[in-house]
Amino acid sequence: MDDPRLDPVSNVPEFTVSEISGAVKRTLEGNFGRIRVRGEVTELKRYPSGHIYFSLKDEGAKLSGIIWKSAVPRLGMKPENGVEVIATGRVSSYPERSSYQLIVERMEYAGAGALLARIEALRVRLGAEGLFDVARKLALPGLPAVIGVITSERGAVIQDIRTTILRRFPRPILLWPVPVQGEGAAERIAAAIAGFDALPAGGTIPRPDVLIVARGGGSLEDLMAFNEEIVVRAVAACRIPLISAVGHETDTTLIDFVSDRRAPTPTAAAELAIPARADLLADLAHKAARLIGALNRLAQERRLRLSRAERGLPDLPALVGTARQRLDDRAERLRLSLPNLVRHAASRLTLAGSTLEGALRHALVARRHRAERVLARVSPAPLQARLREARARLEGAAGRLESVSPLAVLQRGYALVTDPGGHPLTTVGAVRPGARLRLRFADGEVGATADGGGKAERQGRLSL
């Protein structure tokens, strides 16, 4: 068995793994303390901790990168996969994986080409969602009562808008100051748009009738806040008509595609938002003149139509005169015809009376002759016997009727007592003291008043 003490002594230094990792870390951080690396962002991943892990690649290599949570607000842009950027930071190593990585502190787009490619990709994606459709755009009010402006409170933009509105037609302006470039500008602009849209109608703060989002000219990087997705979606969701006026006339940002109207300058935006008083007065005068002319033409046309109708009508005074004359003639004829009509009726009535009298006389004579002929044929003896028999029956019935007649009782000295209504009173109880009574005797009636009564055992007295 070999003795280790007999191994030859090596001159190669010996390091532990930690020593090697630490040396590599110090070498990387010493030689690459602050660098700028250009590459395309890929494998981007945001962790719940707030850190962002990604890789930068080019045609020949790939470099891991990390953005700590504390550096994200100061990054300067929002990293996305496929975007070419320039990342500023330092190179360090991760000993546990024997890997190196770029600790990023700042990030910017790698030139105008990268910015334009990113903007175009976002434009195509949002356009596919329908955010830029013409049918979604709102019409601007003719004369807004309140105008909302979203821009920087410093600079010439707000002054140009105020001056233009004051010159054209003074209206109240609500300014929502925001940063128009730099870190957090896009979020502040989107919040201002949503804030104006959330104002209730009739509230303490008046709700604007139209919004203007504006800023002055600048480079493509300066205008990037208005190309951010958060701003575009805020404009698309806004229920207030919005005018975009970002940059100069040749500048175009994504907010211009989604806004309801696009103005080349802030001054032009103010001119779109409010009409000129002189133009309104001139337009009003022009419309008034056209209205008066139309009314005059209409009146003239109606006058001509009335004249034609008048010529087609008959002579009304002549018709009335003829009708009046005809009425007088009919009245005179009626006045003369009434006496004639009465005389004619009287003659007819006299004739009818004479005819009726003759007919009645003739009928009576005929009936008398017929009765005489009948009597002549009948024997008088049986007829007289029948008459005596009938007379005897009649006298018997009359005697019986007379015997039950109350008048026969009255003839013997009795009286019939009735109330004023003629109803007989047959008991003392039916008579009230002081009641008016009627006493009927055989030869007439007298009135009486009862002095007593009401009970059978009492005797009442009558006062005639």
Protein backbone atom coordinates (compact mmCIF):
# COMPACT_ATOMS: atom_id res chain seq x y z
CA MET A 1 0.00 0.00 0.00
CA ASP A 2 1.42 3.41 -1.02
CA ASP A 3 2.32 5.87 1.68
CA PRO A 4 0.79 9.29 1.06
CA ARG A 5 3.89 10.85 2.51
CA LEU A 6 5.81 9.52 -0.46
CA ASP A 7 3.51 11.53 -3.05
CA PRO A 8 5.35 14.30 -4.82
CA VAL A 9 4.60 17.83 -3.55
CA SER A 10 2.40 19.93 -6.05
CA ASN A 11 2.95 23.68 -6.59
CA VAL A 12 -0.72 24.23 -7.80
CA PRO A 13 -2.68 26.32 -5.24
CA GLU A 14 -5.70 24.72 -3.65
CA PHE A 15 -9.06 26.58 -3.18
CA THR A 16 -12.33 25.72 -1.72
CA VAL A 17 -15.53 26.05 -3.75
CA SER A 18 -16.59 29.08 -1.75
CA GLU A 19 -13.21 30.72 -2.29
CA ILE A 20 -13.46 30.21 -6.03
CA SER A 21 -17.07 31.50 -6.10
CA GLY A 22 -16.15 34.54 -4.06
CA ALA A 23 -13.13 35.28 -6.28
CA VAL A 24 -15.26 35.06 -9.40
CA LYS A 25 -17.89 37.33 -7.81
CA ARG A 26 -15.30 39.92 -6.84
CA THR A 27 -13.70 39.79 -10.27
CA LEU A 28 -17.02 40.28 -12.06
CA GLU A 29 -18.21 43.08 -9.83
CA GLY A 30 -14.80 44.76 -9.95
CA ASN A 31 -14.41 44.69 -13.70
CA PHE A 32 -18.11 45.22 -14.55
CA GLY A 33 -19.21 47.50 -11.73
CA ARG A 34 -21.55 49.62 -13.90
CA ILE A 35 -22.23 48.71 -17.50
CA ARG A 36 -24.85 49.10 -20.22
CA VAL A 37 -25.94 45.96 -22.02
CA ARG A 38 -27.99 45.91 -25.19
CA GLY A 39 -30.21 42.96 -26.04
CA GLU A 40 -33.70 41.61 -26.56
CA VAL A 41 -35.81 40.86 -23.48
CA THR A 42 -36.89 37.23 -23.23
CA GLU A 43 -38.10 34.77 -20.59
CA LEU A 44 -39.59 37.67 -18.58
CA LYS A 45 -41.23 36.54 -15.33
CA ARG A 46 -42.63 38.59 -12.45
CA TYR A 47 -42.63 36.91 -9.05
CA PRO A 48 -45.07 37.53 -6.21
CA SER A 49 -42.18 38.99 -4.23
CA GLY A 50 -42.07 41.91 -6.71
CA HIS A 51 -38.74 40.92 -8.30
CA ILE A 52 -38.50 40.55 -12.09
CA TYR A 53 -36.37 37.82 -13.68
CA PHE A 54 -35.53 37.84 -17.38
CA SER A 55 -32.80 37.25 -19.97
CA LEU A 56 -31.12 39.47 -22.53
CA LYS A 57 -30.10 37.81 -25.77
CA ASP A 58 -28.57 38.64 -29.10
CA GLU A 59 -27.51 36.52 -32.07
CA GLY A 60 -24.72 34.71 -30.19
CA ALA A 61 -25.40 34.62 -26.44
CA LYS A 62 -27.86 35.04 -23.60
CA LEU A 63 -27.40 36.83 -20.26
CA SER A 64 -29.60 36.33 -17.20
CA GLY A 65 -30.87 39.44 -15.51
CA ILE A 66 -32.79 40.43 -12.40
CA ILE A 67 -34.57 43.59 -11.31
CA TRP A 68 -35.04 43.84 -7.56
CA LYS A 69 -38.38 45.03 -6.26
CA SER A 70 -36.86 48.28 -4.95
CA ALA A 71 -35.57 49.17 -8.45
CA VAL A 72 -38.81 48.50 -10.35
CA PRO A 73 -40.38 51.97 -9.69
CA ARG A 74 -37.17 53.68 -10.90
CA LEU A 75 -36.67 51.46 -13.93
CA GLY A 76 -37.84 54.04 -16.49
CA MET A 77 -39.98 51.68 -18.59
CA LYS A 78 -42.07 48.56 -18.41
CA PRO A 79 -40.07 45.57 -19.72
CA GLU A 80 -41.80 43.23 -22.14
CA ASN A 81 -40.74 40.13 -24.04
CA GLY A 82 -39.44 40.78 -27.53
CA VAL A 83 -38.43 44.41 -26.90
CA GLU A 84 -34.85 45.46 -27.54
CA VAL A 85 -33.55 47.46 -24.60
CA ILE A 86 -30.42 48.88 -23.08
CA ALA A 87 -30.12 47.75 -19.48
CA THR A 88 -27.89 49.63 -17.04
CA GLY A 89 -26.54 47.80 -13.98
CA ARG A 90 -23.73 45.61 -12.69
CA VAL A 91 -22.67 42.03 -13.33
CA SER A 92 -22.64 39.67 -10.36
CA SER A 93 -22.67 35.93 -9.77
CA TYR A 94 -24.99 33.52 -8.03
CA PRO A 95 -22.64 31.06 -6.26
CA GLU A 96 -25.29 28.46 -5.50
CA ARG A 97 -25.81 27.86 -9.23
CA SER A 98 -22.36 28.87 -10.45
CA SER A 99 -23.99 31.39 -12.75
CA TYR A 100 -23.58 35.06 -13.39
CA GLN A 101 -26.33 37.64 -13.96
CA LEU A 102 -26.95 41.32 -14.61
CA ILE A 103 -28.43 43.28 -11.72
CA VAL A 104 -30.45 45.96 -13.56
CA GLU A 105 -31.04 49.43 -12.13
CA ARG A 106 -32.26 51.28 -15.23
CA MET A 107 -33.70 50.24 -18.58
CA GLU A 108 -34.50 52.09 -21.77
CA TYR A 109 -35.56 51.25 -25.26
CA ALA A 110 -32.70 50.57 -27.66
CA GLY A 111 -33.30 53.41 -30.13
CA ALA A 112 -36.28 54.61 -32.12
CA GLY A 113 -36.58 51.37 -34.03
CA ALA A 114 -37.24 49.37 -30.90
CA LEU A 115 -39.77 51.93 -29.66
CA LEU A 116 -41.61 51.99 -32.95
CA ALA A 117 -41.71 48.21 -33.11
CA ARG A 118 -43.16 48.05 -29.62
CA ILE A 119 -45.73 50.75 -30.40
CA GLU A 120 -46.75 49.02 -33.61
CA ALA A 121 -47.17 45.67 -31.89
CA LEU A 122 -49.34 47.28 -29.21
CA ARG A 123 -51.35 49.14 -31.85
CA VAL A 124 -52.09 45.94 -33.75
CA ARG A 125 -53.11 44.09 -30.57
CA LEU A 126 -55.41 46.86 -29.29
CA GLY A 127 -56.84 47.42 -32.76
CA ALA A 128 -57.77 43.75 -32.96
CA GLU A 129 -59.80 44.27 -29.76
CA GLY A 130 -61.81 47.02 -31.46
CA LEU A 131 -60.52 49.91 -29.33
CA PHE A 132 -59.89 52.06 -32.43
CA ASP A 133 -63.22 51.43 -34.19
CA VAL A 134 -64.94 54.53 -35.52
CA ALA A 135 -68.30 53.31 -34.21
CA ARG A 136 -67.03 53.68 -30.62
CA LYS A 137 -66.16 57.35 -30.97
CA LEU A 138 -68.37 59.96 -29.30
CA ALA A 139 -69.60 63.20 -30.87
CA LEU A 140 -68.29 66.46 -29.43
CA PRO A 141 -70.87 68.77 -27.80
CA GLY A 142 -71.80 71.89 -29.72
CA LEU A 143 -71.24 74.29 -26.82
CA PRO A 144 -69.78 72.60 -23.71
CA ALA A 145 -70.50 74.17 -20.34
CA VAL A 146 -67.27 72.92 -18.71
CA ILE A 147 -63.99 71.83 -20.36
CA GLY A 148 -61.62 69.43 -18.60
CA VAL A 149 -57.90 69.62 -19.42
CA ILE A 150 -55.30 66.96 -18.56
CA THR A 151 -51.77 68.27 -18.94
CA SER A 152 -48.87 69.73 -17.00
CA GLU A 153 -49.72 72.74 -14.86
CA ARG A 154 -46.49 74.36 -16.02
CA GLY A 155 -45.56 75.26 -19.53
CA ALA A 156 -47.16 76.88 -22.52
CA VAL A 157 -49.76 74.17 -23.25
CA ILE A 158 -52.30 75.15 -20.61
CA GLN A 159 -51.76 78.84 -21.35
CA ASP A 160 -52.43 78.31 -25.05
CA ILE A 161 -55.64 76.42 -24.27
CA ARG A 162 -56.84 79.08 -21.83
CA THR A 163 -56.08 81.92 -24.23
CA THR A 164 -57.82 80.21 -27.13
CA ILE A 165 -60.98 79.41 -25.15
CA LEU A 166 -61.11 82.94 -23.71
CA ARG A 167 -60.80 84.39 -27.20
CA ARG A 168 -63.37 82.14 -28.84
CA PHE A 169 -66.05 81.65 -26.19
CA PRO A 170 -65.18 81.93 -22.47
CA ARG A 171 -66.00 78.69 -20.64
CA PRO A 172 -64.94 77.31 -17.23
CA ILE A 173 -61.82 75.11 -17.40
CA LEU A 174 -61.01 72.28 -14.96
CA LEU A 175 -57.29 71.43 -14.97
CA TRP A 176 -56.10 68.04 -13.72
CA PRO A 177 -52.30 68.48 -13.52
CA VAL A 178 -50.22 65.43 -14.43
CA PRO A 179 -46.62 64.74 -15.46
CA VAL A 180 -46.53 64.26 -19.20
CA GLN A 181 -43.30 62.23 -19.38
CA GLY A 182 -41.04 60.16 -17.19
CA GLU A 183 -41.61 57.50 -14.59
CA GLY A 184 -45.27 57.07 -13.57
CA ALA A 185 -46.59 59.60 -16.12
CA ALA A 186 -48.75 57.06 -17.92
CA GLU A 187 -50.40 55.92 -14.69
CA ARG A 188 -51.10 59.51 -13.63
CA ILE A 189 -52.63 60.38 -17.02
CA ALA A 190 -54.85 57.28 -16.96
CA ALA A 191 -55.94 58.09 -13.39
CA ALA A 192 -56.85 61.67 -14.40
CA ILE A 193 -59.01 60.45 -17.30
CA ALA A 194 -60.78 57.95 -15.06
CA GLY A 195 -61.16 60.60 -12.35
CA PHE A 196 -62.92 63.06 -14.65
CA ASP A 197 -65.15 60.27 -15.96
CA ALA A 198 -66.12 59.29 -12.40
CA LEU A 199 -67.40 62.76 -11.47
CA PRO A 200 -71.18 62.64 -10.94
CA ALA A 201 -73.45 64.95 -12.89
CA GLY A 202 -74.71 67.80 -10.70
CA GLY A 203 -72.03 67.25 -8.05
CA THR A 204 -69.97 69.80 -6.16
CA ILE A 205 -67.26 69.60 -8.83
CA PRO A 206 -68.91 70.05 -12.24
CA ARG A 207 -68.55 67.16 -14.65
CA PRO A 208 -66.82 68.30 -17.88
CA ASP A 209 -68.68 67.99 -21.17
CA VAL A 210 -65.44 67.45 -23.11
CA LEU A 211 -61.84 66.52 -22.19
CA ILE A 212 -58.54 67.64 -23.72
CA VAL A 213 -55.39 65.56 -23.15
CA ALA A 214 -52.43 67.63 -24.32
CA ARG A 215 -48.68 68.16 -24.15
CA GLY A 216 -46.10 69.98 -26.24
CA GLY A 217 -43.70 68.49 -28.72
CA GLY A 218 -40.79 66.21 -27.87
CA SER A 219 -38.85 63.16 -28.91
CA LEU A 220 -40.38 59.74 -29.31
CA GLU A 221 -39.12 58.83 -25.84
CA ASP A 222 -40.74 61.95 -24.38
CA LEU A 223 -44.12 61.01 -25.85
CA MET A 224 -44.01 57.37 -24.74
CA ALA A 225 -46.43 57.96 -21.84
CA PHE A 226 -49.18 58.48 -24.43
CA ASN A 227 -48.31 55.20 -26.14
CA GLU A 228 -48.80 53.11 -23.02
CA GLU A 229 -51.59 50.55 -22.90
CA ILE A 230 -52.97 51.85 -19.60
CA VAL A 231 -53.59 55.29 -21.14
CA VAL A 232 -55.17 53.87 -24.29
CA ARG A 233 -57.58 51.71 -22.29
CA ALA A 234 -58.49 54.63 -20.01
CA VAL A 235 -59.45 56.72 -23.05
CA ALA A 236 -61.45 53.84 -24.54
CA ALA A 237 -63.41 53.45 -21.28
CA CYS A 238 -64.07 57.18 -20.87
CA ARG A 239 -67.71 58.23 -21.34
CA ILE A 240 -66.82 61.90 -21.90
CA PRO A 241 -65.85 62.96 -25.45
CA LEU A 242 -62.04 63.33 -25.51
CA ILE A 243 -59.71 65.29 -27.77
CA SER A 244 -56.04 64.29 -27.97
CA ALA A 245 -53.41 66.96 -28.68
CA VAL A 246 -50.01 65.37 -28.06
CA GLY A 247 -46.83 66.69 -29.66
CA HIS A 248 -46.65 68.58 -32.92
CA GLU A 249 -48.68 68.08 -36.05
CA THR A 250 -46.38 65.33 -37.37
CA ASP A 251 -46.32 63.39 -34.09
CA THR A 252 -48.67 60.43 -33.75
CA THR A 253 -49.24 58.45 -30.58
CA LEU A 254 -51.62 55.59 -29.74
CA ILE A 255 -53.91 57.96 -27.84
CA ASP A 256 -54.67 59.63 -31.17
CA PHE A 257 -56.14 56.37 -32.51
CA VAL A 258 -58.52 55.83 -29.57
CA SER A 259 -59.54 59.43 -28.85
CA ASP A 260 -62.81 60.79 -30.23
CA ARG A 261 -61.04 63.61 -32.06
CA ARG A 262 -57.36 64.23 -32.74
CA ALA A 263 -55.94 67.76 -32.86
CA PRO A 264 -52.48 68.57 -34.26
CA THR A 265 -51.73 71.08 -31.48
CA PRO A 266 -53.17 72.08 -28.07
CA THR A 267 -54.44 75.32 -29.64
CA ALA A 268 -56.26 73.34 -32.32
CA ALA A 269 -57.74 71.12 -29.59
CA ALA A 270 -59.21 74.19 -27.87
CA GLU A 271 -60.65 75.34 -31.20
CA LEU A 272 -62.26 71.93 -31.69
CA ALA A 273 -63.69 71.93 -28.17
CA ILE A 274 -65.36 75.34 -28.28
CA PRO A 275 -66.85 77.27 -31.22
CA ALA A 276 -66.04 80.91 -31.83
CA ARG A 277 -68.66 83.37 -30.58
CA ALA A 278 -68.43 85.35 -33.82
CA ASP A 279 -68.97 82.18 -35.86
CA LEU A 280 -72.00 81.29 -33.76
CA LEU A 281 -73.47 84.77 -34.17
CA ALA A 282 -72.83 84.71 -37.91
CA ASP A 283 -74.35 81.24 -38.20
CA LEU A 284 -77.34 82.36 -36.14
CA ALA A 285 -77.86 85.42 -38.33
CA HIS A 286 -77.55 83.28 -41.46
CA LYS A 287 -80.09 80.76 -40.17
CA ALA A 288 -82.41 83.58 -39.08
CA ALA A 289 -82.25 85.09 -42.56
CA ARG A 290 -82.94 81.73 -44.14
CA LEU A 291 -85.84 81.15 -41.75
CA ILE A 292 -87.36 84.56 -42.50
CA GLY A 293 -86.96 83.96 -46.22
CA ALA A 294 -88.59 80.56 -45.93
CA LEU A 295 -91.48 82.02 -43.95
CA ASN A 296 -91.96 84.79 -46.51
CA ARG A 297 -91.96 82.28 -49.34
CA LEU A 298 -94.41 80.09 -47.46
CA ALA A 299 -96.71 83.05 -46.77
CA GLN A 300 -96.56 84.12 -50.43
CA GLU A 301 -97.37 80.60 -51.55
CA ARG A 302 -100.32 80.39 -49.16
CA ARG A 303 -101.50 83.81 -50.32
CA LEU A 304 -101.48 82.67 -53.97
CA ARG A 305 -103.32 79.47 -53.09
CA LEU A 306 -105.91 81.52 -51.19
CA SER A 307 -106.37 83.83 -54.15
CA ARG A 308 -106.93 80.87 -56.48
CA ALA A 309 -109.45 79.39 -54.05
CA GLU A 310 -111.19 82.76 -53.76
CA ARG A 311 -111.63 82.93 -57.51
CA GLY A 312 -113.18 79.49 -57.51
CA LEU A 313 -115.77 80.37 -54.85
CA PRO A 314 -119.26 81.79 -55.83
CA ASP A 315 -120.36 85.36 -55.03
CA LEU A 316 -121.31 84.93 -51.38
CA PRO A 317 -123.07 88.33 -50.95
CA ALA A 318 -125.18 87.62 -54.03
CA LEU A 319 -126.07 84.18 -52.72
CA VAL A 320 -127.06 85.64 -49.38
CA GLY A 321 -129.18 88.33 -51.05
CA THR A 322 -130.98 85.75 -53.20
CA ALA A 323 -131.62 83.57 -50.17
CA ARG A 324 -132.96 86.55 -48.22
CA GLN A 325 -135.32 87.49 -51.09
CA ARG A 326 -136.51 83.88 -51.37
CA LEU A 327 -137.18 83.85 -47.63
CA ASP A 328 -139.25 87.03 -47.81
CA ASP A 329 -141.27 85.60 -50.70
CA ARG A 330 -141.95 82.35 -48.85
CA ALA A 331 -142.99 84.29 -45.72
CA GLU A 332 -145.46 86.43 -47.69
CA ARG A 333 -146.94 83.41 -49.42
CA LEU A 334 -147.29 81.68 -46.07
CA ARG A 335 -149.02 84.72 -44.58
CA LEU A 336 -151.56 84.76 -47.40
CA SER A 337 -152.11 81.01 -47.48
CA LEU A 338 -152.99 80.56 -43.80
CA PRO A 339 -156.45 82.29 -43.92
CA ASN A 340 -157.28 80.38 -47.10
CA LEU A 341 -156.25 77.15 -45.46
CA VAL A 342 -158.45 77.92 -42.42
CA ARG A 343 -161.47 78.75 -44.58
CA HIS A 344 -161.00 75.62 -46.64
CA ALA A 345 -160.72 73.50 -43.48
CA ALA A 346 -163.85 75.17 -42.00
CA SER A 347 -165.78 74.42 -45.18
CA ARG A 348 -164.71 70.81 -45.12
CA LEU A 349 -165.62 70.57 -41.45
CA THR A 350 -169.12 72.06 -42.05
CA LEU A 351 -169.69 69.70 -44.93
CA ALA A 352 -168.57 66.74 -42.81
CA GLY A 353 -170.89 67.86 -39.96
CA SER A 354 -173.91 68.11 -42.29
CA THR A 355 -173.17 64.72 -43.73
CA LEU A 356 -172.79 63.17 -40.29
CA GLU A 357 -176.01 64.78 -39.00
CA GLY A 358 -178.03 63.44 -41.94
CA ALA A 359 -176.54 59.99 -41.49
CA LEU A 360 -177.38 59.94 -37.78
CA ARG A 361 -180.93 61.12 -38.41
CA HIS A 362 -181.40 58.49 -41.04
CA ALA A 363 -180.02 55.80 -38.70
CA LEU A 364 -182.35 56.85 -35.85
CA VAL A 365 -185.36 56.78 -38.09
CA ALA A 366 -184.42 53.34 -39.33
CA ARG A 367 -183.94 52.08 -35.78
CA ARG A 368 -187.35 53.50 -34.70
CA HIS A 369 -189.08 51.83 -37.61
CA ARG A 370 -187.36 48.54 -36.81
CA ALA A 371 -188.46 48.79 -33.12
CA GLU A 372 -192.03 49.59 -34.08
CA ARG A 373 -192.11 46.56 -36.36
CA VAL A 374 -190.80 44.38 -33.53
CA LEU A 375 -193.41 45.70 -31.07
CA ALA A 376 -196.10 45.17 -33.59
CA ARG A 377 -195.21 41.47 -33.82
CA VAL A 378 -195.06 40.95 -30.02
CA SER A 379 -198.24 40.52 -27.91
CA PRO A 380 -198.70 43.25 -25.23
CA ALA A 381 -200.13 40.95 -22.51
CA PRO A 382 -197.10 38.73 -21.89
CA LEU A 383 -194.89 41.78 -22.07
CA GLN A 384 -196.81 43.57 -19.34
CA ALA A 385 -196.74 40.44 -17.15
CA ARG A 386 -192.99 40.21 -17.53
CA LEU A 387 -192.66 43.89 -16.67
CA ARG A 388 -194.77 43.48 -13.46
CA GLU A 389 -192.70 40.46 -12.40
CA ALA A 390 -189.46 42.35 -12.94
CA ARG A 391 -190.83 45.37 -11.03
CA ALA A 392 -191.78 43.14 -8.05
CA ARG A 393 -188.29 41.62 -7.92
CA LEU A 394 -186.76 45.04 -8.06
CA GLU A 395 -188.95 46.37 -5.23
CA GLY A 396 -188.09 43.35 -3.04
CA ALA A 397 -184.38 43.82 -3.54
CA ALA A 398 -184.75 47.55 -2.79
CA GLY A 399 -186.58 46.76 0.48
CA ARG A 400 -183.87 44.39 1.62
CA LEU A 401 -181.20 46.86 0.71
CA GLU A 402 -182.98 49.60 2.59
CA SER A 403 -183.22 47.45 5.73
CA VAL A 404 -179.43 47.02 5.95
CA SER A 405 -178.58 50.56 4.92
CA PRO A 406 -176.87 52.66 7.67
CA LEU A 407 -178.95 55.60 6.50
CA ALA A 408 -182.05 53.78 7.77
CA VAL A 409 -180.40 53.52 11.20
CA LEU A 410 -179.59 57.23 11.09
CA GLN A 411 -183.27 57.90 10.35
CA ARG A 412 -184.08 56.40 13.77
CA GLY A 413 -181.95 59.07 15.57
CA TYR A 414 -178.45 57.52 15.52
CA ALA A 415 -175.23 59.24 14.33
CA LEU A 416 -172.07 57.87 12.59
CA VAL A 417 -168.77 59.06 14.21
CA THR A 418 -165.66 59.28 11.96
CA ASP A 419 -162.23 60.90 12.11
CA PRO A 420 -161.40 63.76 9.71
CA GLY A 421 -160.26 61.17 7.17
CA GLY A 422 -163.69 59.53 7.12
CA HIS A 423 -162.71 56.34 8.99
CA PRO A 424 -165.47 55.12 11.42
CA LEU A 425 -164.68 55.23 15.15
CA THR A 426 -166.44 52.34 16.91
CA THR A 427 -164.80 52.42 20.42
CA VAL A 428 -164.10 55.04 23.06
CA GLY A 429 -160.43 53.99 23.11
CA ALA A 430 -160.02 55.04 19.52
CA VAL A 431 -160.81 58.67 20.43
CA ARG A 432 -157.99 60.87 21.83
CA PRO A 433 -158.83 63.88 23.98
CA GLY A 434 -159.13 66.98 21.84
CA ALA A 435 -159.43 64.97 18.60
CA ARG A 436 -161.45 66.42 15.75
CA LEU A 437 -164.49 64.28 14.83
CA ARG A 438 -167.18 64.19 12.15
CA LEU A 439 -170.83 63.35 13.16
CA ARG A 440 -173.06 62.21 10.32
CA PHE A 441 -176.86 62.36 10.81
CA ALA A 442 -179.59 61.35 8.44
CA ASP A 443 -179.85 64.83 7.02
CA GLY A 444 -176.15 65.96 7.08
CA GLU A 445 -172.83 66.20 8.94
CA VAL A 446 -171.42 68.41 11.72
CA GLY A 447 -167.90 68.73 13.21
CA ALA A 448 -167.11 68.03 16.87
CA THR A 449 -164.19 67.96 19.37
CA ALA A 450 -163.71 65.17 21.94
CA ASP A 451 -163.33 66.50 25.52
CA GLY A 452 -162.47 63.11 27.04
CA GLY A 453 -161.97 59.54 26.04
CA GLY A 454 -159.32 56.89 25.79
CA LYS A 455 -160.98 54.36 28.16
CA ALA A 456 -164.19 52.46 27.81
CA GLU A 457 -165.31 53.06 31.40
CA ARG A 458 -165.19 56.84 30.99
CA GLN A 459 -167.89 58.77 29.32
CA GLY A 460 -166.63 61.23 26.76
CA ARG A 461 -168.12 64.57 26.02
CA LEU A 462 -168.41 66.14 22.65
CA SER A 463 -168.26 69.80 21.91
CA LEU A 464 -170.01 70.72 18.77
